[in-house]
Protein backbone atom coordinates (compact mmCIF):
# COMPACT_ATOMS: atom_id res chain seq x y z
CA MET A 1 65.74 97.45 118.87
CA SER A 2 63.58 99.14 116.24
CA PRO A 3 63.16 97.59 112.75
CA THR A 4 65.14 100.45 111.20
CA SER A 5 68.12 99.89 113.46
CA ARG A 6 68.24 96.07 113.26
CA PRO A 7 71.55 94.84 111.77
CA ARG A 8 71.23 94.17 108.05
CA LYS A 9 71.46 90.48 107.10
CA ARG A 10 74.47 89.85 104.88
CA ALA A 11 73.58 88.12 101.62
CA SER A 12 74.78 84.52 101.73
CA ILE A 13 75.61 82.02 99.03
CA VAL A 14 72.26 80.34 99.82
CA ASP A 15 70.44 83.62 99.04
CA VAL A 16 72.28 83.82 95.73
CA ALA A 17 71.38 80.22 94.89
CA GLU A 18 67.70 80.71 95.68
CA LEU A 19 67.47 83.88 93.60
CA ALA A 20 69.35 82.33 90.69
CA GLY A 21 67.30 79.11 90.80
CA VAL A 22 70.36 76.85 90.96
CA SER A 23 71.92 74.63 93.57
CA ARG A 24 74.28 75.90 96.25
CA GLN A 25 77.07 73.70 94.87
CA THR A 26 76.65 75.20 91.42
CA VAL A 27 76.86 78.71 92.84
CA THR A 28 80.01 77.80 94.71
CA ARG A 29 81.69 76.55 91.54
CA ALA A 30 80.51 79.52 89.48
CA MET A 31 81.80 82.07 92.01
CA HIS A 32 85.22 80.45 91.72
CA ASP A 33 85.02 80.28 87.91
CA MET A 34 85.51 76.51 87.77
CA PRO A 35 85.08 74.59 84.49
CA GLY A 36 81.86 72.75 83.70
CA ILE A 37 79.49 75.67 84.43
CA SER A 38 77.35 76.76 81.51
CA GLU A 39 77.37 80.39 80.43
CA ALA A 40 73.62 80.67 81.10
CA THR A 41 74.01 79.40 84.67
CA LYS A 42 77.00 81.63 85.28
CA ALA A 43 75.05 84.64 84.01
CA ARG A 44 72.12 83.87 86.36
CA VAL A 45 74.48 83.47 89.31
CA LEU A 46 76.32 86.73 88.64
CA ASP A 47 73.05 88.64 88.14
CA ALA A 48 71.74 87.27 91.43
CA ALA A 49 74.99 88.12 93.22
CA GLN A 50 74.84 91.68 91.90
CA THR A 51 71.21 92.08 92.95
CA LEU A 52 72.04 90.92 96.48
CA ARG A 53 75.37 92.82 96.53
CA TYR A 54 76.94 89.45 97.38
CA ARG A 55 80.63 89.31 98.12
CA PRO A 56 82.28 86.15 99.52
CA SER A 57 82.85 86.87 103.21
CA ARG A 58 86.42 86.40 104.38
CA PHE A 59 85.17 87.09 107.90
CA GLY A 60 82.51 84.40 107.56
CA ARG A 61 85.03 81.88 106.21
CA GLY A 62 87.18 82.63 109.24
CA LEU A 63 84.38 81.39 111.50
CA VAL A 64 84.65 77.97 109.86
CA LYS A 65 88.38 77.91 109.19
CA PRO A 66 90.18 80.01 111.82
CA GLY A 67 92.25 82.84 110.43
CA VAL A 68 93.15 86.48 111.05
CA PRO A 69 90.57 88.94 109.67
CA THR A 70 92.09 91.74 107.61
CA LEU A 71 91.19 95.43 107.66
CA GLY A 72 91.80 97.60 104.62
CA LEU A 73 92.92 101.10 105.68
CA VAL A 74 92.66 103.77 102.97
CA VAL A 75 94.73 106.94 103.38
CA VAL A 76 95.66 109.71 100.97
CA ASP A 77 99.44 109.85 101.40
CA LEU A 78 101.61 108.32 104.12
CA THR A 79 104.27 111.00 103.58
CA ASN A 80 101.78 113.40 105.19
CA PRO A 81 102.36 112.97 108.95
CA TYR A 82 98.61 113.16 109.60
CA PHE A 83 97.99 109.94 107.69
CA SER A 84 101.03 108.11 109.04
CA GLN A 85 99.92 108.92 112.60
CA LEU A 86 96.39 107.79 111.76
CA ALA A 87 97.71 104.52 110.29
CA SER A 88 99.79 103.88 113.40
CA SER A 89 96.77 104.35 115.66
CA VAL A 90 94.50 102.14 113.53
CA ILE A 91 97.12 99.38 113.42
CA GLU A 92 97.45 99.58 117.21
CA PHE A 93 93.72 99.20 117.86
CA ALA A 94 93.28 96.59 115.12
CA ALA A 95 95.96 94.47 116.77
CA MET A 96 94.09 94.71 120.07
CA ARG A 97 91.07 93.19 118.31
CA GLY A 98 93.09 90.49 116.56
CA TRP A 99 92.93 92.04 113.08
CA ALA A 100 95.70 92.51 110.53
CA VAL A 101 95.84 95.74 108.48
CA LEU A 102 96.47 96.26 104.77
CA VAL A 103 97.18 99.92 103.92
CA ALA A 104 96.36 101.53 100.56
CA GLN A 105 97.34 105.11 99.75
CA LEU A 106 95.42 106.88 97.04
CA ALA A 107 98.19 109.36 96.20
CA HIS A 108 100.14 106.61 94.40
CA THR A 109 97.44 104.25 93.20
CA GLY A 110 94.30 106.35 92.68
CA THR A 111 90.77 105.26 93.49
CA GLY A 112 91.01 102.34 91.05
CA THR A 113 92.81 100.35 93.73
CA LEU A 114 89.69 100.29 95.90
CA SER A 115 88.11 97.45 93.89
CA GLU A 116 91.24 95.34 94.31
CA LEU A 117 91.32 96.14 98.02
CA ALA A 118 87.70 95.05 98.44
CA ASN A 119 88.62 91.53 97.31
CA GLN A 120 91.49 91.21 99.79
CA VAL A 121 89.99 92.38 103.09
CA ASP A 122 87.12 91.73 105.49
CA ALA A 123 86.32 95.41 106.17
CA VAL A 124 87.46 98.87 105.09
CA VAL A 125 88.19 102.07 107.03
CA GLY A 126 89.48 105.32 105.63
CA TYR A 127 89.37 108.40 103.46
CA LEU A 128 87.32 107.17 100.50
CA GLU A 129 87.48 109.91 97.90
CA VAL A 130 84.60 108.54 95.82
CA SER A 131 80.86 109.19 95.85
CA ASP A 132 78.42 107.33 98.10
CA ASP A 133 77.08 105.46 95.07
CA GLU A 134 80.61 104.37 94.12
CA ILE A 135 81.18 103.12 97.66
CA GLU A 136 78.07 100.96 97.31
CA SER A 137 79.15 99.67 93.90
CA ILE A 138 82.74 98.90 94.90
CA PHE A 139 82.23 97.41 98.34
CA GLY A 140 78.77 95.83 98.19
CA ASP A 141 77.84 94.67 101.70
CA LEU A 142 81.44 94.68 102.95
CA PRO A 143 81.69 96.56 106.28
CA VAL A 144 82.89 100.10 105.52
CA VAL A 145 83.67 102.95 107.92
CA THR A 146 84.41 106.29 106.27
CA LEU A 147 86.52 108.99 107.93
CA ASP A 148 85.91 112.76 107.87
CA ARG A 149 82.57 112.38 106.11
CA GLN A 150 79.10 111.07 107.00
CA PRO A 151 77.65 109.07 104.07
CA GLU A 152 73.96 108.17 104.04
CA LYS A 153 74.43 104.46 103.35
CA ARG A 154 77.50 103.62 105.42
CA ALA A 155 79.06 103.93 108.84
CA GLY A 156 81.17 107.00 109.38
CA ILE A 157 83.35 108.93 111.79
CA ASP A 158 82.99 112.64 111.10
CA ILE A 159 85.02 115.53 112.48
CA ASP A 160 83.08 118.27 114.26
CA PHE A 161 85.25 121.35 113.72
CA GLU A 162 83.08 123.81 115.64
CA PRO A 163 84.36 123.21 119.21
CA GLY A 164 88.00 123.57 118.19
CA VAL A 165 87.58 126.55 115.87
CA ARG A 166 85.46 128.28 118.52
CA GLN A 167 88.27 127.83 121.05
CA ALA A 168 90.83 129.07 118.52
CA LEU A 169 88.97 132.27 117.64
CA ASP A 170 88.10 133.08 121.25
CA HIS A 171 91.76 132.60 122.22
CA LEU A 172 93.05 134.86 119.42
CA ILE A 173 90.42 137.56 119.92
CA ALA A 174 91.13 137.61 123.66
CA GLN A 175 94.73 138.45 122.73
CA GLY A 176 93.50 141.47 120.76
CA ARG A 177 93.80 139.88 117.30
CA ARG A 178 91.33 141.48 114.89
CA SER A 179 92.52 140.38 111.42
CA ILE A 180 92.51 136.57 111.50
CA VAL A 181 92.95 134.83 108.12
CA MET A 182 92.24 131.18 107.34
CA LEU A 183 94.49 129.33 104.87
CA ASP A 184 92.29 126.64 103.33
CA SER A 185 92.60 123.56 101.14
CA SER A 186 89.77 121.84 99.29
CA HIS A 187 89.40 119.42 96.37
CA THR A 188 86.00 120.91 95.48
CA PRO A 189 84.88 124.42 94.44
CA GLU A 190 83.55 124.93 97.98
CA HIS A 191 85.55 125.85 101.04
CA SER A 192 86.51 123.01 103.36
CA ALA A 193 84.30 122.19 106.34
CA ARG A 194 86.79 123.80 108.72
CA ALA A 195 86.90 127.02 106.69
CA LEU A 196 83.11 127.23 106.57
CA VAL A 197 82.99 126.93 110.37
CA TYR A 198 85.67 129.65 110.69
CA GLU A 199 83.67 132.00 108.45
CA ARG A 200 80.45 131.53 110.39
CA LEU A 201 81.97 131.84 113.85
CA TYR A 202 84.16 134.81 112.93
CA ARG A 203 81.14 136.67 111.56
CA GLU A 204 79.20 135.85 114.73
CA ARG A 205 81.94 137.71 116.61
CA GLY A 206 81.53 140.80 114.47
CA PHE A 207 84.46 140.42 112.09
CA GLU A 208 84.75 139.92 108.34
CA PRO A 209 86.44 136.60 107.51
CA THR A 210 89.11 136.07 104.86
CA VAL A 211 89.71 132.60 103.43
CA LEU A 212 92.60 131.98 101.05
CA ARG A 213 92.81 128.61 99.31
CA VAL A 214 96.38 127.34 99.14
CA ALA A 215 95.94 123.90 97.54
CA THR A 216 93.22 122.23 95.46
CA THR A 217 94.45 119.03 93.82
CA VAL A 218 96.96 117.60 96.30
CA GLU A 219 97.46 117.57 100.05
CA PRO A 220 98.79 121.00 101.12
CA GLN A 221 102.54 121.28 101.67
CA LEU A 222 104.92 123.61 103.51
CA GLU A 223 105.46 125.51 100.28
CA ASP A 224 101.76 126.27 100.02
CA GLY A 225 101.73 127.98 103.39
CA SER A 226 104.85 129.94 102.51
CA ALA A 227 103.56 131.05 99.09
CA ALA A 228 100.33 132.31 100.64
CA ILE A 229 101.97 135.06 102.71
CA PRO A 230 102.45 137.70 99.94
CA VAL A 231 98.87 137.11 98.81
CA ILE A 232 97.55 137.51 102.35
CA ARG A 233 99.55 140.70 102.80
CA ALA A 234 97.84 142.17 99.73
CA LEU A 235 94.38 141.12 100.93
CA ARG A 236 94.81 142.03 104.58
CA PRO A 237 97.67 144.50 105.25
CA ASP A 238 96.55 144.56 108.89
CA LEU A 239 97.08 140.78 109.23
CA ASP A 240 97.75 139.77 112.83
CA ALA A 241 96.81 136.07 112.97
CA ILE A 242 96.78 133.04 110.68
CA ILE A 243 94.97 129.73 111.11
CA GLY A 244 96.39 127.08 108.78
CA PHE A 245 94.33 124.33 107.19
CA ASN A 246 96.67 121.95 108.98
CA ASP A 247 99.92 122.08 110.92
CA ILE A 248 101.99 121.74 107.75
CA VAL A 249 100.48 124.83 106.13
CA ALA A 250 100.76 126.77 109.37
CA ILE A 251 104.47 125.97 109.75
CA GLY A 252 105.13 126.92 106.12
CA ALA A 253 103.42 130.28 106.70
CA MET A 254 105.31 130.84 109.96
CA LYS A 255 108.70 130.17 108.37
CA ARG A 256 107.94 132.68 105.59
CA LEU A 257 106.82 135.32 108.09
CA GLN A 258 109.99 134.88 110.10
CA SER A 259 112.20 135.03 107.01
CA GLU A 260 110.64 138.40 106.17
CA GLY A 261 111.31 139.77 109.64
CA THR A 262 107.81 139.36 111.08
CA ARG A 263 107.89 138.39 114.75
CA VAL A 264 105.77 135.37 115.68
CA PRO A 265 103.62 135.75 117.73
CA ASP A 266 104.27 139.44 118.56
CA ASP A 267 103.40 140.80 115.11
CA CYS A 268 101.38 137.85 113.83
CA ALA A 269 100.11 134.77 115.64
CA VAL A 270 100.10 131.42 113.81
CA MET A 271 97.94 128.40 114.61
CA GLY A 272 97.65 124.98 112.99
CA ILE A 273 95.07 122.20 112.96
CA ASP A 274 95.73 118.48 113.71
CA GLY A 275 98.09 118.62 116.69
CA LEU A 276 100.85 116.57 115.08
CA PRO A 277 103.97 115.80 117.18
CA PHE A 278 106.40 117.75 114.95
CA GLY A 279 104.72 120.99 116.02
CA VAL A 280 107.00 121.05 119.07
CA ILE A 281 110.27 120.96 117.09
CA VAL A 282 109.77 124.35 115.39
CA THR A 283 110.52 127.71 116.99
CA PRO A 284 108.30 128.98 118.45
CA GLU A 285 106.42 125.76 119.15
CA LEU A 286 103.16 125.61 117.19
CA THR A 287 99.83 126.38 118.82
CA THR A 288 97.34 123.94 117.34
CA LEU A 289 93.94 122.29 117.44
CA HIS A 290 94.68 118.72 118.45
CA LEU A 291 92.74 115.75 117.07
CA ASP A 292 92.97 112.53 119.08
CA MET A 293 93.89 109.90 116.47
CA ARG A 294 93.66 107.09 119.01
CA GLU A 295 90.06 108.03 119.76
CA MET A 296 89.26 107.92 116.04
CA ALA A 297 90.98 104.55 115.66
CA ALA A 298 89.13 103.13 118.68
CA HIS A 299 85.78 104.22 117.20
CA ALA A 300 86.73 102.75 113.83
CA MET A 301 87.54 99.31 115.19
CA GLU A 302 84.44 99.28 117.41
CA LEU A 303 82.32 99.87 114.31
CA VAL A 304 84.25 97.41 112.13
CA VAL A 305 83.88 94.56 114.61
CA GLY A 306 80.23 95.36 115.31
CA ILE A 307 79.26 95.48 111.64
CA SER A 308 81.27 92.35 110.87
CA ASP A 309 79.54 90.25 113.52
CA ALA A 310 76.12 91.77 112.64
CA SER A 311 75.61 93.37 116.06
CA LEU A 312 75.61 96.74 114.26
CA PRO A 313 73.99 97.71 110.92
CA LEU A 314 75.89 98.84 107.82
CA ALA A 315 74.49 102.38 108.15
CA GLY A 316 72.31 104.61 110.28
CA PRO A 317 72.55 106.56 113.56
CA GLU A 318 73.91 103.53 115.44
CA VAL A 319 77.09 103.61 113.37
CA GLU A 320 77.72 107.37 113.34
CA ARG A 321 80.51 108.74 115.50
CA PHE A 322 81.95 112.25 115.93
CA VAL A 323 85.33 113.50 117.10
CA SER A 324 86.48 117.08 117.67
CA HIS A 325 89.62 119.11 118.31
CA SER A 326 90.96 120.67 121.48
CA LEU A 327 93.17 123.77 121.68
CA ILE A 328 96.81 123.31 122.67
CA VAL A 329 98.42 126.71 123.37
CA ARG A 330 102.14 126.98 122.67
CA GLY A 331 104.53 129.73 121.66
CA SER A 332 103.26 130.66 118.17
CA ALA A 333 99.92 132.06 119.40
């Protein structure tokens, strides 16, 4: 193993004591805010702990006093079926490894809850909607695995959209579709990663892409897909295919098309992204790009356990994983 890939040593209470110039027992009392510790000593201890990014290890304590390690799972909103399916898969694979799971959803608590979560768990997995620097500040050397992003200083499972979007466009173009519009959602001024891939691949095939953003501040809903149809009609009167940001947006668009008398897929094909189970209960059943949540959960727990027992580093190529979509053809396209 090369020096750059060697697992990073977690700062211990002994490291904090040595840097602060006080005894281990004094550090122990100070970290628990017990009486009898002078303000000067406490200040030295806290400064040393901050320098070393020290956080008392629940996982380490479990090696001495047996207990169940706890994983913090961060999702945006459990009312979105994507996140509830993800949570179910993570809980399944965590149980296989002997871990309990504590779920936090940012839609109701905001990012301020992350600091509280960090003090209650042994590792964190999820959609962390804060900067890389904030992740470092909040979680210190706690094992962290981010989802749908690839931070420089942490482990991550990123989604490679190219294979799925390539399959989607090739499938639609083979059907004779020539005016394929992407309904997008992004919390930044830029298009989402999936929309950027659509634009590039559609241009490579000789067509001019159209991206319409349907939601910016919240997770996209059925209503967003529905409301987008009149706008798309104005932009592309020759519309003959829609790719939704996710299955929810796609179904909202399909319902609006059908209510206006447009035949799906004869007049306009509709395709979603995520491959959620409810896609089979609409008529016609939704063609979609399926993401294997169980694969993502398996990767997440592999990384969590490896980082926790120091067989894997906190960051670097060894703790990068990628997942991608696969096309499931049904009635809507």
